[in-house]
Protein backbone atom coordinates (compact mmCIF):
# COMPACT_ATOMS: atom_id res chain seq x y z
CA THR A 1 5.60 -9.72 -23.83
CA ILE A 2 5.31 -5.99 -22.88
CA GLN A 3 3.32 -5.44 -25.88
CA LEU A 4 0.64 -8.09 -25.11
CA LEU A 5 0.84 -6.94 -21.43
CA ARG A 6 -0.39 -3.05 -22.82
CA VAL A 7 -3.16 -4.80 -24.90
CA PHE A 8 -4.31 -7.96 -22.84
CA PRO A 9 -3.11 -7.08 -19.40
CA LYS A 10 -5.18 -9.73 -17.13
CA ALA A 11 -4.66 -12.50 -19.51
CA VAL A 12 -1.09 -12.62 -19.74
CA THR A 13 -1.01 -11.62 -16.10
CA MET A 14 -3.03 -14.98 -15.33
CA ALA A 15 -0.53 -16.80 -17.35
CA MET A 16 2.63 -15.49 -16.00
CA ALA A 17 1.09 -16.00 -12.79
CA ALA A 18 0.52 -20.01 -13.57
CA SER A 19 3.91 -20.41 -14.38
CA LYS A 20 5.33 -18.67 -11.54
CA LYS A 21 6.99 -16.21 -13.31
CA GLN A 22 8.03 -12.73 -12.39
CA PHE A 23 5.46 -10.31 -13.85
CA PRO A 24 7.62 -7.31 -15.23
CA LYS A 25 7.10 -3.90 -14.97
CA ILE A 26 5.45 -1.91 -17.94
CA PRO A 27 7.60 0.74 -19.30
CA PRO A 28 5.75 3.85 -19.59
CA ALA A 29 4.56 4.86 -22.79
CA CYS A 30 5.59 7.88 -24.56
CA GLY A 31 3.60 10.65 -23.41
CA LEU A 32 4.45 13.60 -25.13
CA THR A 33 1.41 13.44 -27.81
CA GLY A 34 -0.39 16.29 -26.02
CA PRO A 35 -1.92 18.40 -24.64
CA VAL A 36 -0.55 16.66 -21.13
CA SER A 37 2.54 15.09 -20.15
CA ILE A 38 1.95 12.34 -18.14
CA SER A 39 4.80 11.23 -15.28
CA SER A 40 4.52 8.81 -12.75
CA ASN A 41 8.66 8.48 -12.49
CA PHE A 42 8.93 9.58 -8.59
CA CYS A 43 8.78 8.36 -5.01
CA GLY A 44 5.33 5.99 -5.11
CA GLY A 45 4.25 6.97 -8.68
CA ASN A 46 2.41 4.17 -10.72
CA ILE A 47 0.75 4.60 -13.87
CA VAL A 48 1.22 3.56 -17.66
CA HIS A 49 0.62 6.22 -20.30
CA VAL A 50 -1.43 4.28 -23.41
CA SER A 51 -2.65 6.98 -25.82
CA THR A 52 -4.03 10.43 -25.79
CA GLU A 53 -6.59 11.21 -28.50
CA VAL A 54 -6.54 14.61 -29.15
CA SER A 55 -10.65 15.88 -30.18
CA SER A 56 -10.16 19.54 -30.53
CA PRO A 57 -7.17 21.90 -29.45
CA THR A 58 -8.82 22.47 -26.49
CA SER A 59 -9.89 19.03 -25.31
CA ALA A 60 -8.25 15.26 -25.14
CA VAL A 61 -9.08 11.47 -23.91
CA VAL A 62 -5.75 10.08 -21.93
CA SER A 63 -6.05 6.75 -21.63
CA LEU A 64 -4.11 4.93 -18.77
CA CYS A 65 -3.24 1.28 -17.21
CA ILE A 66 -2.10 0.80 -13.28
CA ASP A 67 0.87 -1.36 -13.25
CA GLN A 68 1.16 -3.97 -11.02
CA ASP A 69 3.35 -5.51 -8.08
CA PRO A 70 5.38 -8.24 -8.54
CA TYR A 71 3.99 -11.69 -8.41
CA THR A 72 3.38 -13.06 -4.69
CA ALA A 73 4.00 -16.74 -4.57
CA LEU A 74 2.14 -17.65 -1.43
CA GLU A 75 -1.38 -16.48 -3.02
CA ASP A 76 -0.72 -16.97 -6.38
CA THR A 77 -1.73 -14.01 -8.00
CA VAL A 78 -0.33 -10.41 -8.64
CA HIS A 79 -1.88 -7.27 -6.78
CA SER A 80 -2.68 -3.75 -8.46
CA GLN A 81 -4.86 -0.78 -7.30
CA TRP A 82 -2.64 1.93 -6.17
CA PHE A 83 -1.99 4.68 -8.75
CA TYR A 84 -0.29 8.41 -8.44
CA PHE A 85 0.66 10.36 -11.10
CA LYS A 86 1.34 13.98 -12.49
CA SER A 87 -0.75 15.60 -15.75
CA ALA A 88 1.32 19.26 -16.73
CA LEU A 89 0.42 20.87 -19.80
CA LEU A 90 3.08 20.44 -22.91
CA ASP A 91 5.11 23.52 -24.36
CA SER A 92 3.16 24.38 -27.75
CA SER A 93 6.39 23.14 -29.53
CA LEU A 94 5.58 19.32 -28.64
CA GLY A 95 1.70 19.42 -29.03
CA GLY A 96 0.69 21.63 -25.93
CA PRO A 97 -1.72 24.23 -26.54
CA THR A 98 -0.80 27.18 -27.96
CA ASP A 99 -3.17 29.22 -26.97
CA LEU A 100 -1.38 29.86 -23.28
CA SER A 101 -5.02 31.57 -22.21
CA ALA A 102 -7.56 28.60 -23.14
CA GLU A 103 -8.65 25.81 -20.44
CA ILE A 104 -7.76 22.20 -21.32
CA THR A 105 -10.49 20.07 -20.72
CA VAL A 106 -9.04 16.48 -20.45
CA ASP A 107 -10.99 13.34 -19.74
CA TYR A 108 -8.84 10.30 -17.89
CA VAL A 109 -9.44 7.05 -18.80
CA ILE A 110 -8.12 4.00 -16.71
CA THR A 111 -8.38 1.04 -18.72
CA ASN A 112 -7.54 -1.96 -16.81
CA ALA A 113 -9.78 -1.04 -13.75
CA ASN A 114 -11.52 -4.66 -13.96
CA ASP A 115 -8.12 -6.24 -13.39
CA VAL A 116 -7.35 -4.63 -10.03
CA ALA A 117 -7.13 -6.64 -6.98
CA PHE A 118 -10.48 -5.63 -5.54
CA SER A 119 -12.35 -4.12 -8.89
CA SER A 120 -15.60 -4.10 -6.46
CA ALA A 121 -13.88 -1.20 -4.91
CA TRP A 122 -14.62 1.42 -7.44
CA PRO A 123 -18.01 2.06 -7.12
CA GLY A 124 -18.29 5.01 -4.96
CA SER A 125 -14.76 5.69 -5.05
CA GLN A 126 -13.65 9.50 -6.19
CA VAL A 127 -10.47 9.60 -7.52
CA CYS A 128 -7.81 12.03 -5.38
CA VAL A 129 -6.68 15.48 -6.91
CA SER A 130 -3.98 18.51 -5.81
CA THR A 131 -3.49 21.41 -8.28
CA ASN A 132 -1.72 23.48 -5.62
CA GLY A 133 1.62 21.44 -5.65
CA GLN A 134 0.69 18.50 -3.30
CA LYS A 135 -0.52 21.36 -0.75
CA SER A 136 -3.77 19.78 -0.41
CA TYR A 137 -6.03 17.18 -2.21
CA GLU A 138 -9.78 17.28 -3.09
CA ARG A 139 -11.74 14.73 -4.71
CA LYS A 140 -13.46 13.99 -8.32
CA SER A 141 -16.91 13.79 -7.12
CA LYS A 142 -17.84 12.65 -10.71
CA THR A 143 -15.65 9.17 -10.85
CA THR A 144 -17.59 6.97 -12.59
CA TYR A 145 -16.86 3.21 -13.21
CA SER A 146 -17.92 0.68 -16.20
CA LYS A 147 -17.54 -2.82 -15.42
CA LYS A 148 -18.79 -3.53 -18.44
CA ASP A 149 -16.11 -1.78 -20.45
CA GLY A 150 -13.41 -2.08 -17.37
CA THR A 151 -12.70 1.71 -17.01
CA LEU A 152 -12.55 3.86 -14.41
CA ARG A 153 -12.98 7.87 -16.03
CA TRP A 154 -12.90 11.19 -14.73
CA GLN A 155 -12.57 14.57 -16.25
CA HIS A 156 -10.35 17.52 -14.91
CA VAL A 157 -10.51 21.12 -16.58
CA HIS A 158 -6.46 22.21 -16.56
CA LYS A 159 -6.32 26.20 -15.97
CA PRO A 160 -3.76 28.58 -17.83
CA GLY A 161 -0.33 28.71 -15.92
CA GLU A 162 -0.89 25.56 -13.76
CA GLU A 163 2.35 23.76 -12.58
CA GLY A 164 0.65 20.47 -12.92
CA THR A 165 -1.87 18.28 -11.56
CA TYR A 166 -1.94 15.12 -9.28
CA PHE A 167 -4.25 12.36 -9.47
CA SER A 168 -4.11 9.74 -6.68
CA PHE A 169 -6.18 7.03 -4.98
CA PHE A 170 -5.81 8.36 -2.29
CA GLU A 171 -3.25 11.34 -1.06
CA PRO A 172 -0.07 10.31 -1.20
CA TYR A 173 2.26 9.94 2.07
CA THR A 174 6.37 9.89 0.22
CA TYR A 175 9.31 8.69 1.19
CA ASP A 176 10.80 12.42 2.11
CA ARG A 177 7.73 12.97 4.34
CA HIS A 178 8.73 9.65 6.12
CA MET A 179 12.13 10.89 6.70
CA SER A 180 11.45 14.07 7.66
CA LEU A 181 8.69 12.55 10.21
CA LEU A 182 11.47 10.63 11.56
CA ASP A 183 14.00 13.56 12.17
CA LYS A 184 11.34 15.42 13.68
CA CYS A 185 11.19 12.63 16.40
CA ARG A 186 15.17 12.02 16.40
CA SER A 187 15.30 15.73 17.41
CA THR A 188 12.75 15.72 20.07
CA ARG A 189 13.99 14.90 24.03
CA GLY A 190 12.38 11.63 25.12
CA VAL A 191 12.17 9.58 22.03
CA GLU A 192 14.41 7.34 20.37
CA VAL A 193 14.58 6.25 16.74
CA SER A 194 16.92 2.81 15.86
CA VAL A 195 17.24 1.46 12.91
CA ILE A 196 16.40 -2.90 13.26
CA GLY A 197 17.27 -4.14 9.96
CA LYS A 198 17.41 -3.35 6.41
CA THR A 199 14.65 -3.69 3.59
CA LEU A 200 15.04 -6.37 0.35
CA GLN A 201 16.48 -2.34 -1.23
CA GLY A 202 18.88 -1.88 1.76
CA ARG A 203 16.17 0.93 3.35
CA ASP A 204 16.25 1.17 7.01
CA MET A 205 13.64 -0.24 9.26
CA GLU A 206 13.10 2.54 11.48
CA LEU A 207 11.63 1.57 15.38
CA VAL A 208 10.17 4.93 17.24
CA LYS A 209 10.59 4.47 20.83
CA ILE A 210 8.58 6.25 23.71
CA GLY A 211 7.55 6.58 26.66
CA THR A 212 9.25 4.65 30.10
CA GLY A 213 5.77 3.06 31.39
CA PRO A 214 6.08 -0.41 32.09
CA LEU A 215 3.63 -1.49 29.59
CA LYS A 216 4.77 -2.45 25.92
CA CYS A 217 2.47 -0.85 23.41
CA TRP A 218 3.20 -2.23 19.73
CA ILE A 219 1.92 0.11 17.07
CA ASN A 220 2.71 -0.94 13.38
CA HIS A 221 1.79 1.01 10.01
CA ARG A 222 1.79 0.34 6.26
CA GLN A 223 2.23 -3.17 5.65
CA HIS A 224 0.73 -2.64 2.27
CA PRO A 225 2.40 0.31 0.98
CA GLY A 226 -0.28 1.35 -1.03
CA GLU A 227 -2.14 1.97 1.69
CA THR A 228 -0.98 5.27 2.90
CA GLN A 229 -3.80 6.50 4.97
CA ALA A 230 -1.56 4.01 7.52
CA GLU A 231 1.22 6.89 7.43
CA TRP A 232 -0.91 9.58 7.96
CA PHE A 233 -2.41 7.77 11.20
CA ALA A 234 1.61 7.55 12.17
CA GLU A 235 2.10 10.99 11.96
CA GLY A 236 -0.90 11.94 14.18
CA LEU A 237 0.26 9.27 16.44
CA LEU A 238 3.67 10.56 16.51
CA ASP A 239 2.71 14.23 16.96
CA ARG A 240 1.10 13.70 19.83
CA LEU A 241 2.97 11.63 21.81
CA CYS A 242 5.94 13.45 21.14
CA GLY A 243 4.28 16.98 20.68
CA LEU A 244 6.18 17.53 17.11
CA SER A 245 4.18 20.41 16.03
CA ASP A 246 4.43 22.24 19.58
CA PHE A 247 8.19 22.30 20.36
CA GLY A 248 7.79 18.61 21.99
CA ALA A 249 5.34 19.88 24.25
CA VAL A 250 2.24 17.32 24.95
CA ASP A 251 -0.90 17.12 26.13
CA GLY A 252 -1.77 15.77 29.36
CA LEU A 253 -3.52 12.60 28.53
CA ALA A 254 -0.21 11.85 26.59
CA HIS A 255 2.05 12.94 29.29
CA LYS A 256 -0.04 10.54 31.11
CA ALA A 257 0.22 7.67 28.31
CA ARG A 258 4.41 7.79 28.04
CA GLU A 259 4.34 7.09 31.74
CA ALA A 260 1.86 4.11 31.68
CA PHE A 261 3.41 2.86 28.24
CA THR A 262 6.58 2.38 26.45
CA PHE A 263 5.57 2.86 22.49
CA TYR A 264 7.41 1.10 20.05
CA ILE A 265 5.83 2.28 16.55
CA VAL A 266 6.97 1.42 13.44
CA PRO A 267 5.87 4.35 10.94
CA ASN A 268 6.48 2.40 7.47
CA MET A 269 6.68 -1.70 7.62
CA ASN A 270 7.09 -1.31 3.84
CA PRO A 271 9.49 1.44 2.49
CA ASP A 272 10.44 -0.42 -1.03
CA GLY A 273 6.78 -0.70 -1.86
CA SER A 274 6.10 2.47 -0.73
CA HIS A 275 9.14 4.24 -3.02
CA LEU A 276 7.56 1.28 -5.97
CA GLY A 277 4.54 2.84 -6.19
CA TYR A 278 3.13 -0.70 -5.08
CA LEU A 279 -0.51 -1.66 -3.65
CA ARG A 280 0.24 -4.91 -1.09
CA CYS A 281 4.16 -5.79 -1.47
CA ASN A 282 7.42 -5.90 -0.69
CA ALA A 283 10.04 -5.49 -3.38
CA GLY A 284 10.39 -8.93 -3.63
CA GLY A 285 6.50 -9.66 -4.20
CA GLN A 286 5.46 -10.66 -0.65
CA ASN A 287 1.91 -9.31 0.95
CA LEU A 288 3.65 -8.66 4.49
CA ASN A 289 0.73 -9.37 6.07
CA ARG A 290 1.06 -13.10 5.48
CA GLU A 291 4.37 -13.18 6.42
CA TRP A 292 4.32 -13.63 10.23
CA CYS A 293 4.47 -17.72 10.15
CA ASP A 294 4.53 -20.57 8.21
CA THR A 295 1.71 -21.48 6.01
CA GLY A 296 2.49 -25.18 5.63
CA ASP A 297 5.61 -25.77 3.73
CA TYR A 298 5.65 -21.77 2.76
CA LYS A 299 8.39 -20.48 5.70
CA ALA A 300 7.76 -16.75 6.83
CA PRO A 301 9.05 -14.84 8.03
CA THR A 302 12.93 -14.73 6.21
CA LEU A 303 15.65 -12.69 5.35
CA GLU A 304 15.43 -13.61 1.86
CA ARG A 305 12.00 -12.65 1.30
CA SER A 306 10.37 -10.49 4.37
CA PRO A 307 13.32 -9.28 6.15
CA GLU A 308 10.85 -6.11 7.06
CA VAL A 309 8.63 -9.13 9.04
CA TYR A 310 11.91 -10.47 10.22
CA TYR A 311 13.51 -7.84 12.37
CA VAL A 312 10.13 -6.66 13.43
CA LEU A 313 8.87 -9.74 14.55
CA LYS A 314 12.29 -10.68 16.56
CA LYS A 315 12.12 -7.34 18.57
CA MET A 316 8.69 -8.04 19.39
CA ASP A 317 9.92 -11.51 21.06
CA GLU A 318 13.16 -9.62 22.69
CA ILE A 319 11.07 -6.94 24.20
CA GLY A 320 7.32 -7.99 24.91
CA VAL A 321 3.87 -6.67 23.85
CA ASP A 322 1.65 -5.88 25.93
CA CYS A 323 -1.37 -4.57 23.21
CA PHE A 324 -0.77 -4.41 20.11
CA ALA A 325 -2.30 -2.29 16.67
CA ASP A 326 -1.74 -2.98 13.32
CA ILE A 327 -2.50 0.10 10.74
CA HIS A 328 -4.11 -0.62 7.36
CA GLY A 329 -6.66 1.36 4.69
CA ASP A 330 -9.57 -0.72 3.17
CA GLU A 331 -10.23 -0.17 -0.52
CA GLU A 332 -13.97 -1.13 -0.83
CA MET A 333 -15.54 -0.18 3.20
CA PRO A 334 -16.70 3.54 3.51
CA PHE A 335 -16.05 3.28 7.27
CA ASN A 336 -13.07 3.27 9.93
CA PHE A 337 -13.47 -0.30 11.65
CA ILE A 338 -11.30 -2.48 13.39
CA ALA A 339 -10.85 -6.52 12.73
CA GLY A 340 -10.17 -7.97 15.83
CA ALA A 341 -9.18 -11.88 17.20
CA GLU A 342 -12.36 -13.40 17.46
CA GLY A 343 -10.83 -16.79 15.01
CA CYS A 344 -8.10 -17.18 17.63
CA THR A 345 -7.87 -20.01 19.88
CA ASN A 346 -6.83 -17.67 23.05
CA TRP A 347 -10.32 -15.81 22.41
CA GLY A 348 -12.45 -15.65 25.08
CA PRO A 349 -14.04 -12.86 27.91
CA ARG A 350 -11.26 -11.38 28.43
CA LEU A 351 -9.75 -10.89 25.24
CA GLN A 352 -13.58 -9.79 24.25
CA GLY A 353 -13.68 -7.44 27.08
CA LEU A 354 -10.55 -5.50 25.75
CA GLN A 355 -11.77 -5.38 22.49
CA GLY A 356 -15.27 -3.91 23.56
CA ALA A 357 -13.64 -1.35 26.22
CA PHE A 358 -10.72 -0.52 23.72
CA LEU A 359 -13.14 0.07 20.60
CA GLY A 360 -15.38 2.04 22.74
CA ALA A 361 -13.02 4.43 23.98
CA PHE A 362 -12.06 4.96 20.52
CA CYS A 363 -15.67 5.93 19.09
CA ARG A 364 -16.36 8.38 22.02
CA ALA A 365 -12.80 9.76 21.59
CA ASN A 366 -13.39 10.26 17.96
CA PRO A 367 -16.95 10.25 15.96
CA ASP A 368 -15.15 9.05 12.71
CA MET A 369 -15.01 5.53 14.29
CA GLN A 370 -17.55 3.10 14.78
CA LYS A 371 -18.55 -0.62 15.72
CA GLU A 372 -21.27 -1.89 14.02
CA VAL A 373 -19.59 -2.55 10.14
CA SER A 374 -16.47 -4.73 10.05
CA TYR A 375 -15.27 -7.50 7.90
CA ASP A 376 -17.34 -10.64 9.54
CA PRO A 377 -15.29 -11.93 11.99
CA GLU A 378 -13.16 -15.44 11.73
CA ASP A 379 -14.91 -18.81 12.80
CA ALA A 380 -13.93 -20.13 16.61
CA ASN A 381 -10.31 -21.32 16.15
CA GLY A 382 -10.10 -20.15 12.47
CA ALA A 383 -7.61 -17.33 12.47
CA ASN A 384 -4.72 -17.74 9.94
CA LEU A 385 -1.57 -16.96 12.45
CA ALA A 386 0.09 -15.67 9.45
CA VAL A 387 -1.63 -12.59 9.06
CA CYS A 388 -0.17 -9.75 11.69
CA SER A 389 -2.33 -8.83 14.32
CA ASN A 390 -4.01 -12.62 14.68
CA GLN A 391 -0.13 -13.37 14.97
CA ILE A 392 0.79 -11.40 17.89
CA ALA A 393 -2.84 -11.56 19.85
CA THR A 394 -1.69 -15.35 19.81
CA ARG A 395 2.08 -15.26 20.60
CA PHE A 396 1.64 -12.75 23.38
CA ASP A 397 -1.81 -13.67 24.72
CA CYS A 398 -2.89 -9.76 24.46
CA LEU A 399 -5.52 -6.89 22.81
CA ALA A 400 -3.99 -6.97 19.01
CA ILE A 401 -6.33 -5.26 16.58
CA THR A 402 -6.36 -4.36 12.63
CA LEU A 403 -7.61 -1.04 11.95
CA GLU A 404 -8.56 -0.31 8.49
CA MET A 405 -9.46 3.51 6.99
CA PRO A 406 -11.09 3.95 4.01
CA TYR A 407 -10.29 5.21 0.41
CA LYS A 408 -13.53 6.13 0.00
CA ASP A 409 -15.42 9.27 1.87
CA CYS A 410 -15.95 8.12 5.61
CA LEU A 411 -19.79 7.67 5.83
CA THR A 412 -19.97 8.44 9.74
CA CYS A 413 -18.72 11.77 8.69
CA PRO A 414 -19.28 12.55 5.10
CA ASP A 415 -17.05 15.33 3.52
CA PRO A 416 -18.73 15.52 -0.31
CA VAL A 417 -15.49 17.88 -1.51
CA ARG A 418 -12.57 16.51 0.10
CA GLY A 419 -13.66 12.81 1.75
CA TYR A 420 -11.44 11.29 3.89
CA THR A 421 -8.73 13.03 4.04
CA GLY A 422 -5.00 12.45 5.20
CA GLY A 423 -5.57 14.90 7.89
CA ARG A 424 -7.94 12.63 9.57
CA CYS A 425 -5.93 9.58 9.25
CA ALA A 426 -4.08 11.96 11.21
CA ALA A 427 -6.51 12.60 13.56
CA LEU A 428 -7.58 8.93 14.15
CA GLY A 429 -4.30 8.46 15.28
CA LYS A 430 -3.76 10.94 17.57
CA SER A 431 -7.30 9.75 19.09
CA ILE A 432 -5.97 5.83 19.74
CA VAL A 433 -4.08 7.23 22.67
CA ASP A 434 -7.31 7.65 24.37
CA ALA A 435 -8.64 4.26 23.70
CA PHE A 436 -5.40 2.64 24.98
CA MET A 437 -5.06 4.72 28.09
CA HIS A 438 -9.18 4.01 28.68
CA VAL A 439 -7.91 -0.27 28.74
CA LYS A 440 -4.50 -0.41 30.22
CA ASP A 441 -5.55 -1.44 33.80
CA TRP A 442 -6.98 -4.27 32.58
CA LEU A 443 -4.32 -5.49 29.90
CA ARG A 444 -2.74 -7.61 32.31
CA THR A 445 -4.79 -7.96 35.48
CA ASP A 446 -5.99 -11.23 36.23
CA GLU A 447 -9.66 -9.70 37.39
CA PRO A 448 -12.45 -10.19 35.89
CA PHE A 449 -13.11 -6.50 34.65
CA TRP A 450 -15.43 -7.81 31.99
CA GLU A 451 -18.31 -8.47 34.27
CA THR A 452 -18.89 -4.71 35.16
CA LEU A 453 -17.97 -2.82 32.03
CA GLN A 454 -20.14 -0.27 31.27
CA GLU A 455 -22.58 -0.80 28.44
CA ASP A 456 -21.12 1.44 25.55
CA ASP A 457 -17.49 -0.71 26.69
CA LEU A 458 -19.50 -3.94 25.70
CA TYR A 459 -18.51 -6.30 22.71
CA VAL A 460 -20.41 -5.76 19.49
CA ARG A 461 -20.03 -8.57 17.17
CA PRO A 462 -19.77 -6.39 13.54
CA LYS A 463 -21.06 -7.62 10.25
CA GLU A 464 -19.83 -6.73 6.78
CA VAL A 465 -23.15 -4.97 5.77
CA TRP A 466 -24.12 -1.33 5.53
CA GLU A 467 -26.85 1.11 4.69
CA GLY A 468 -26.39 1.54 0.53
CA LYS A 469 -23.93 -0.99 0.20
CA GLU A 470 -26.24 -3.08 -2.42
CA ALA A 471 -26.00 0.31 -4.26
CA GLU A 472 -22.36 0.73 -4.60
CA GLU A 473 -22.65 -3.25 -5.52
């Protein structure tokens, strides 16, 4: 089966999905075939080395495959798209360059690019690369996708003495960094970090509580582990609310926010999937953003399949929710945007007004956010309540949104060198405080506030269209 997976990954995957069998992780092929060693055997890593063709002493072509998440029963599919690996020059005794002063040009080719979850997202995508020990990442502007060949390709020139080069779909956010972030929160006065449950693999589900206000604001991050943007966002949010980068000192608005709200923040909803290098699933193959209620005969959330959702939802029911955001990344759309509660049965002037004012304030706080482009809103009363933000909007009759950030460059403020970065995700996380503060007095009022909103707070019905979309496709 493993050999067939290497040659016919899509056909074998479809056959296994049809038979409801668990998808096996592909073991790494030998990467010691010069001039570089390929490795993904670290936290969040994902790639399979297929072959290396050496065309000259200073050039080679490395063929790779993206490994897949476990089979997802509810959606009857397997997901993949996240990749993250290290490429290092081999020692000359193992086939590496004998001329230690020479530059080595390597063409990297992902050979199963058509078999991922969102192959339509590849046009316009640029691979992230770090050559300084992951202190920073830039973009490979000449990343090319061939639908005909099913390949994603880029070239890198390895310099003499390089420690190792990291490539990824977006800037990684490792479990070590996650733990360091929580340690900083624990050591900050007025911040509580508690463990509210365990994942399938026994990792802690942490909840960060900040503030003393009467309004209960929940913000969840990274249900889909390959959407690392979400935890960068969490880092920025926690930095602002806790003063992590300024010895606990917070700005005036953050101070007022802590008086108006009690924030309940889950920095990582899917620690197992994050560690395992998955795109959308937990360790058992569940897409957590479809586990927030039963779907027909499929029971959710359960401790056996989705304890991560089970424990968080249980805590929400205990505490209550007055406003909510679920933080994600979107593979295809080159914008930051929110998806709202238009399809929920309680959608009306109140929730429409809240969503419009929230987004208006968000756009004013950070020009990386915009309001015209999003998924096409769901039809009236057509919401899938197994999706987190729909469930919370309905269950607690509150403002609840899904926030999406791009893997690609953000077209509202493009940066051709770095693209959209983890740092900008963090900055957006800081800005969401402004948006919640703007709507705080309206969250539970009985007054028809929506009748007197200023013009740039009015709801705009978004569309899934933008200039250049057809060119990308």
